[in-house]
Amino acid sequence: MPIYEFRCTKCRHVFEELFFSIGENRTVVCPKCRSKKTKRMMSVFGGRIGNTSAGGGCGTCAATTCSPS
């Protein structure tokens, strides 16, 4: 079930909508002003590339624990 991010072109509110399938096509209504003038935004997603071995580190350095800067 994909979650898409939308922006209302009337009040500029940004919100997310859950769809039950990628092919689902329905009118999305702004939860703030109830306008049907919404646009789906390009969303970013999280991912990880690189070493996934155990150790508790974040993968950006050789340390197994991070300390606050």
PDB file of N, CA and C in Angstrom:
ATOM      1  N   MET A   1       0.840  -1.182   0.000  1.00  0.00           N
ATOM      2  CA  MET A   1       0.000   0.000   0.000  1.00  0.00           C
ATOM      3  C   MET A   1       0.885   1.244   0.000  1.00  0.00           C
ATOM      4  N   PRO A   2       0.892   1.976  -1.094  1.00  0.00           N
ATOM      5  CA  PRO A   2       1.739   3.173  -1.165  1.00  0.00           C
ATOM      6  C   PRO A   2       1.127   4.360  -0.413  1.00  0.00           C
ATOM      7  N   ILE A   3       2.002   5.188   0.117  1.00  0.00           N
ATOM      8  CA  ILE A   3       1.604   6.453   0.737  1.00  0.00           C
ATOM      9  C   ILE A   3       2.160   7.549  -0.147  1.00  0.00           C
ATOM     10  N   TYR A   4       1.282   8.437  -0.606  1.00  0.00           N
ATOM     11  CA  TYR A   4       1.693   9.535  -1.473  1.00  0.00           C
ATOM     12  C   TYR A   4       1.563  10.852  -0.725  1.00  0.00           C
ATOM     13  N   GLU A   5       2.433  11.793  -1.081  1.00  0.00           N
ATOM     14  CA  GLU A   5       2.424  13.124  -0.488  1.00  0.00           C
ATOM     15  C   GLU A   5       1.770  14.087  -1.472  1.00  0.00           C
ATOM     16  N   PHE A   6       0.864  14.924  -0.966  1.00  0.00           N
ATOM     17  CA  PHE A   6       0.133  15.872  -1.794  1.00  0.00           C
ATOM     18  C   PHE A   6       0.279  17.281  -1.243  1.00  0.00           C
ATOM     19  N   ARG A   7       0.086  18.258  -2.135  1.00  0.00           N
ATOM     20  CA  ARG A   7       0.032  19.660  -1.737  1.00  0.00           C
ATOM     21  C   ARG A   7      -1.248  20.252  -2.305  1.00  0.00           C
ATOM     22  N   CYS A   8      -1.976  20.962  -1.464  1.00  0.00           N
ATOM     23  CA  CYS A   8      -3.191  21.646  -1.899  1.00  0.00           C
ATOM     24  C   CYS A   8      -2.783  22.917  -2.640  1.00  0.00           C
ATOM     25  N   THR A   9      -3.308  23.104  -3.847  1.00  0.00           N
ATOM     26  CA  THR A   9      -2.963  24.306  -4.613  1.00  0.00           C
ATOM     27  C   THR A   9      -3.735  25.524  -4.124  1.00  0.00           C
ATOM     28  N   LYS A  10      -4.740  25.310  -3.304  1.00  0.00           N
ATOM     29  CA  LYS A  10      -5.524  26.435  -2.777  1.00  0.00           C
ATOM     30  C   LYS A  10      -4.906  27.002  -1.485  1.00  0.00           C
ATOM     31  N   CYS A  11      -4.650  26.134  -0.488  1.00  0.00           N
ATOM     32  CA  CYS A  11      -4.126  26.624   0.800  1.00  0.00           C
ATOM     33  C   CYS A  11      -2.667  26.225   1.041  1.00  0.00           C
ATOM     34  N   ARG A  12      -2.068  25.458   0.121  1.00  0.00           N
ATOM     35  CA  ARG A  12      -0.671  25.026   0.149  1.00  0.00           C
ATOM     36  C   ARG A  12      -0.348  24.038   1.280  1.00  0.00           C
ATOM     37  N   HIS A  13      -1.365  23.455   1.885  1.00  0.00           N
ATOM     38  CA  HIS A  13      -1.163  22.446   2.929  1.00  0.00           C
ATOM     39  C   HIS A  13      -0.561  21.182   2.313  1.00  0.00           C
ATOM     40  N   VAL A  14       0.432  20.602   2.983  1.00  0.00           N
ATOM     41  CA  VAL A  14       1.069  19.364   2.532  1.00  0.00           C
ATOM     42  C   VAL A  14       0.580  18.233   3.437  1.00  0.00           C
ATOM     43  N   PHE A  15       0.170  17.128   2.821  1.00  0.00           N
ATOM     44  CA  PHE A  15      -0.380  16.012   3.584  1.00  0.00           C
ATOM     45  C   PHE A  15      -0.121  14.706   2.848  1.00  0.00           C
ATOM     46  N   GLU A  16      -0.331  13.589   3.545  1.00  0.00           N
ATOM     47  CA  GLU A  16      -0.130  12.271   2.967  1.00  0.00           C
ATOM     48  C   GLU A  16      -1.459  11.541   2.845  1.00  0.00           C
ATOM     49  N   GLU A  17      -1.551  10.674   1.846  1.00  0.00           N
ATOM     50  CA  GLU A  17      -2.731   9.847   1.631  1.00  0.00           C
ATOM     51  C   GLU A  17      -2.287   8.408   1.389  1.00  0.00           C
ATOM     52  N   LEU A  18      -2.958   7.480   2.023  1.00  0.00           N
ATOM     53  CA  LEU A  18      -2.699   6.058   1.842  1.00  0.00           C
ATOM     54  C   LEU A  18      -3.577   5.531   0.719  1.00  0.00           C
ATOM     55  N   PHE A  19      -2.963   4.839  -0.237  1.00  0.00           N
ATOM     56  CA  PHE A  19      -3.690   4.209  -1.327  1.00  0.00           C
ATOM     57  C   PHE A  19      -3.596   2.703  -1.148  1.00  0.00           C
ATOM     58  N   PHE A  20      -4.615   1.983  -1.573  1.00  0.00           N
ATOM     59  CA  PHE A  20      -4.629   0.539  -1.401  1.00  0.00           C
ATOM     60  C   PHE A  20      -3.897  -0.196  -2.515  1.00  0.00           C
ATOM     61  N   SER A  21      -3.633   0.481  -3.612  1.00  0.00           N
ATOM     62  CA  SER A  21      -2.829  -0.110  -4.679  1.00  0.00           C
ATOM     63  C   SER A  21      -2.191   1.010  -5.477  1.00  0.00           C
ATOM     64  N   ILE A  22      -1.138   0.668  -6.220  1.00  0.00           N
ATOM     65  CA  ILE A  22      -0.448   1.658  -7.037  1.00  0.00           C
ATOM     66  C   ILE A  22      -1.362   2.189  -8.130  1.00  0.00           C
ATOM     67  N   GLY A  23      -2.237   1.332  -8.661  1.00  0.00           N
ATOM     68  CA  GLY A  23      -3.123   1.728  -9.747  1.00  0.00           C
ATOM     69  C   GLY A  23      -4.389   2.446  -9.314  1.00  0.00           C
ATOM     70  N   GLU A  24      -4.587   2.618  -8.005  1.00  0.00           N
ATOM     71  CA  GLU A  24      -5.803   3.279  -7.524  1.00  0.00           C
ATOM     72  C   GLU A  24      -5.847   4.729  -8.002  1.00  0.00           C
ATOM     73  N   ASN A  25      -6.981   5.114  -8.533  1.00  0.00           N
ATOM     74  CA  ASN A  25      -7.146   6.470  -9.049  1.00  0.00           C
ATOM     75  C   ASN A  25      -8.382   7.071  -8.386  1.00  0.00           C
ATOM     76  N   ARG A  26      -8.172   8.059  -7.526  1.00  0.00           N
ATOM     77  CA  ARG A  26      -9.304   8.713  -6.862  1.00  0.00           C
ATOM     78  C   ARG A  26      -8.994  10.181  -6.630  1.00  0.00           C
ATOM     79  N   THR A  27     -10.035  10.941  -6.417  1.00  0.00           N
ATOM     80  CA  THR A  27      -9.882  12.363  -6.122  1.00  0.00           C
ATOM     81  C   THR A  27      -9.410  12.517  -4.684  1.00  0.00           C
ATOM     82  N   VAL A  28      -8.351  13.284  -4.492  1.00  0.00           N
ATOM     83  CA  VAL A  28      -7.808  13.521  -3.161  1.00  0.00           C
ATOM     84  C   VAL A  28      -8.251  14.904  -2.706  1.00  0.00           C
ATOM     85  N   VAL A  29      -8.815  14.955  -1.499  1.00  0.00           N
ATOM     86  CA  VAL A  29      -9.345  16.199  -0.943  1.00  0.00           C
ATOM     87  C   VAL A  29      -8.421  16.675   0.177  1.00  0.00           C
ATOM     88  N   CYS A  30      -8.122  17.962   0.183  1.00  0.00           N
ATOM     89  CA  CYS A  30      -7.287  18.557   1.223  1.00  0.00           C
ATOM     90  C   CYS A  30      -8.005  18.456   2.573  1.00  0.00           C
ATOM     91  N   PRO A  31      -7.341  17.892   3.594  1.00  0.00           N
ATOM     92  CA  PRO A  31      -7.985  17.771   4.907  1.00  0.00           C
ATOM     93  C   PRO A  31      -8.131  19.101   5.640  1.00  0.00           C
ATOM     94  N   LYS A  32      -7.422  20.122   5.180  1.00  0.00           N
ATOM     95  CA  LYS A  32      -7.465  21.422   5.856  1.00  0.00           C
ATOM     96  C   LYS A  32      -8.588  22.314   5.318  1.00  0.00           C
ATOM     97  N   CYS A  33      -8.654  22.479   3.989  1.00  0.00           N
ATOM     98  CA  CYS A  33      -9.647  23.401   3.413  1.00  0.00           C
ATOM     99  C   CYS A  33     -10.720  22.689   2.580  1.00  0.00           C
ATOM    100  N   ARG A  34     -10.592  21.358   2.428  1.00  0.00           N
ATOM    101  CA  ARG A  34     -11.552  20.518   1.696  1.00  0.00           C
ATOM    102  C   ARG A  34     -11.547  20.751   0.185  1.00  0.00           C
ATOM    103  N   SER A  35     -10.516  21.400  -0.336  1.00  0.00           N
ATOM    104  CA  SER A  35     -10.412  21.628  -1.769  1.00  0.00           C
ATOM    105  C   SER A  35     -10.022  20.332  -2.482  1.00  0.00           C
ATOM    106  N   LYS A  36     -10.517  20.170  -3.693  1.00  0.00           N
ATOM    107  CA  LYS A  36     -10.150  19.026  -4.524  1.00  0.00           C
ATOM    108  C   LYS A  36      -8.984  19.375  -5.447  1.00  0.00           C
ATOM    109  N   LYS A  37      -8.469  20.577  -5.338  1.00  0.00           N
ATOM    110  CA  LYS A  37      -7.348  21.028  -6.174  1.00  0.00           C
ATOM    111  C   LYS A  37      -6.037  20.678  -5.484  1.00  0.00           C
ATOM    112  N   THR A  38      -5.649  19.416  -5.635  1.00  0.00           N
ATOM    113  CA  THR A  38      -4.424  18.921  -5.015  1.00  0.00           C
ATOM    114  C   THR A  38      -3.499  18.349  -6.083  1.00  0.00           C
ATOM    115  N   LYS A  39      -2.208  18.353  -5.787  1.00  0.00           N
ATOM    116  CA  LYS A  39      -1.212  17.789  -6.700  1.00  0.00           C
ATOM    117  C   LYS A  39      -0.308  16.848  -5.932  1.00  0.00           C
ATOM    118  N   ARG A  40      -0.032  15.712  -6.543  1.00  0.00           N
ATOM    119  CA  ARG A  40       0.885  14.765  -5.928  1.00  0.00           C
ATOM    120  C   ARG A  40       2.307  15.288  -6.080  1.00  0.00           C
ATOM    121  N   MET A  41       3.061  15.231  -4.992  1.00  0.00           N
ATOM    122  CA  MET A  41       4.429  15.738  -4.973  1.00  0.00           C
ATOM    123  C   MET A  41       5.405  14.592  -5.166  1.00  0.00           C
ATOM    124  N   MET A  42       6.606  14.932  -5.592  1.00  0.00           N
ATOM    125  CA  MET A  42       7.685  13.959  -5.638  1.00  0.00           C
ATOM    126  C   MET A  42       8.122  13.716  -4.203  1.00  0.00           C
ATOM    127  N   SER A  43       8.089  12.494  -3.767  1.00  0.00           N
ATOM    128  CA  SER A  43       8.476  12.159  -2.403  1.00  0.00           C
ATOM    129  C   SER A  43       9.859  11.550  -2.384  1.00  0.00           C
ATOM    130  N   VAL A  44      10.546  11.750  -1.283  1.00  0.00           N
ATOM    131  CA  VAL A  44      11.836  11.105  -1.090  1.00  0.00           C
ATOM    132  C   VAL A  44      11.602   9.835  -0.287  1.00  0.00           C
ATOM    133  N   PHE A  45      12.520   8.918  -0.384  1.00  0.00           N
ATOM    134  CA  PHE A  45      12.396   7.693   0.383  1.00  0.00           C
ATOM    135  C   PHE A  45      13.735   7.361   1.001  1.00  0.00           C
ATOM    136  N   GLY A  46      13.677   6.579   2.053  1.00  0.00           N
ATOM    137  CA  GLY A  46      14.899   6.184   2.733  1.00  0.00           C
ATOM    138  C   GLY A  46      15.465   4.924   2.121  1.00  0.00           C
ATOM    139  N   GLY A  47      16.737   4.819   2.182  1.00  0.00           N
ATOM    140  CA  GLY A  47      17.403   3.630   1.686  1.00  0.00           C
ATOM    141  C   GLY A  47      18.793   3.534   2.284  1.00  0.00           C
ATOM    142  N   ARG A  48      19.419   2.406   2.078  1.00  0.00           N
ATOM    143  CA  ARG A  48      20.753   2.235   2.629  1.00  0.00           C
ATOM    144  C   ARG A  48      21.617   1.526   1.603  1.00  0.00           C
ATOM    145  N   ILE A  49      22.776   2.061   1.382  1.00  0.00           N
ATOM    146  CA  ILE A  49      23.732   1.454   0.478  1.00  0.00           C
ATOM    147  C   ILE A  49      25.018   1.262   1.259  1.00  0.00           C
ATOM    148  N   GLY A  50      25.609   0.107   1.144  1.00  0.00           N
ATOM    149  CA  GLY A  50      26.889  -0.101   1.803  1.00  0.00           C
ATOM    150  C   GLY A  50      26.837  -1.244   2.793  1.00  0.00           C
ATOM    151  N   ASN A  51      27.736  -1.211   3.744  1.00  0.00           N
ATOM    152  CA  ASN A  51      27.902  -2.277   4.716  1.00  0.00           C
ATOM    153  C   ASN A  51      26.688  -2.394   5.619  1.00  0.00           C
ATOM    154  N   THR A  52      26.118  -3.580   5.702  1.00  0.00           N
ATOM    155  CA  THR A  52      24.958  -3.807   6.562  1.00  0.00           C
ATOM    156  C   THR A  52      25.297  -4.791   7.671  1.00  0.00           C
ATOM    157  N   SER A  53      26.597  -4.977   7.974  1.00  0.00           N
ATOM    158  CA  SER A  53      27.000  -5.922   9.007  1.00  0.00           C
ATOM    159  C   SER A  53      26.580  -5.431  10.378  1.00  0.00           C
ATOM    160  N   ALA A  54      26.457  -6.364  11.312  1.00  0.00           N
ATOM    161  CA  ALA A  54      26.066  -6.028  12.681  1.00  0.00           C
ATOM    162  C   ALA A  54      27.146  -5.183  13.338  1.00  0.00           C
ATOM    163  N   GLY A  55      26.767  -4.404  14.305  1.00  0.00           N
ATOM    164  CA  GLY A  55      27.744  -3.601  15.020  1.00  0.00           C
ATOM    165  C   GLY A  55      27.128  -2.349  15.602  1.00  0.00           C
ATOM    166  N   GLY A  56      25.938  -2.003  15.162  1.00  0.00           N
ATOM    167  CA  GLY A  56      25.235  -0.880  15.741  1.00  0.00           C
ATOM    168  C   GLY A  56      25.625   0.471  15.197  1.00  0.00           C
ATOM    169  N   GLY A  57      26.629   0.539  14.347  1.00  0.00           N
ATOM    170  CA  GLY A  57      27.032   1.818  13.774  1.00  0.00           C
ATOM    171  C   GLY A  57      26.062   2.261  12.693  1.00  0.00           C
ATOM    172  N   CYS A  58      26.189   3.484  12.291  1.00  0.00           N
ATOM    173  CA  CYS A  58      25.302   4.021  11.266  1.00  0.00           C
ATOM    174  C   CYS A  58      25.812   3.750   9.857  1.00  0.00           C
ATOM    175  N   GLY A  59      27.016   3.234   9.730  1.00  0.00           N
ATOM    176  CA  GLY A  59      27.559   2.918   8.424  1.00  0.00           C
ATOM    177  C   GLY A  59      28.385   4.028   7.801  1.00  0.00           C
ATOM    178  N   THR A  60      28.493   5.174   8.486  1.00  0.00           N
ATOM    179  CA  THR A  60      29.259   6.280   7.916  1.00  0.00           C
ATOM    180  C   THR A  60      30.684   6.342   8.447  1.00  0.00           C
ATOM    181  N   CYS A  61      30.994   5.553   9.475  1.00  0.00           N
ATOM    182  CA  CYS A  61      32.347   5.518  10.015  1.00  0.00           C
ATOM    183  C   CYS A  61      32.610   4.126  10.597  1.00  0.00           C
ATOM    184  N   ALA A  62      33.788   3.916  11.132  1.00  0.00           N
ATOM    185  CA  ALA A  62      34.154   2.605  11.650  1.00  0.00           C
ATOM    186  C   ALA A  62      33.702   2.384  13.089  1.00  0.00           C
ATOM    187  N   ALA A  63      33.247   3.412  13.786  1.00  0.00           N
ATOM    188  CA  ALA A  63      32.838   3.280  15.183  1.00  0.00           C
ATOM    189  C   ALA A  63      31.585   2.411  15.293  1.00  0.00           C
ATOM    190  N   THR A  64      31.458   1.689  16.406  1.00  0.00           N
ATOM    191  CA  THR A  64      30.264   0.862  16.615  1.00  0.00           C
ATOM    192  C   THR A  64      29.192   1.601  17.398  1.00  0.00           C
ATOM    193  N   THR A  65      29.539   2.705  18.025  1.00  0.00           N
ATOM    194  CA  THR A  65      28.554   3.556  18.693  1.00  0.00           C
ATOM    195  C   THR A  65      28.866   5.001  18.355  1.00  0.00           C
ATOM    196  N   CYS A  66      27.849   5.821  18.348  1.00  0.00           N
ATOM    197  CA  CYS A  66      28.034   7.242  18.044  1.00  0.00           C
ATOM    198  C   CYS A  66      27.927   8.051  19.314  1.00  0.00           C
ATOM    199  N   SER A  67      28.717   9.084  19.415  1.00  0.00           N
ATOM    200  CA  SER A  67      28.633   9.976  20.566  1.00  0.00           C
ATOM    201  C   SER A  67      28.146  11.330  20.091  1.00  0.00           C
ATOM    202  N   PRO A  68      27.409  12.053  20.953  1.00  0.00           N
ATOM    203  CA  PRO A  68      26.911  13.364  20.545  1.00  0.00           C
ATOM    204  C   PRO A  68      28.041  14.334  20.239  1.00  0.00           C
ATOM    205  N   SER A  69      27.861  15.159  19.269  1.00  0.00           N
ATOM    206  CA  SER A  69      28.891  16.136  18.875  1.00  0.00           C
ATOM    207  C   SER A  69      28.798  17.371  19.717  1.00  0.00           C
TER     208      SER A  69
END
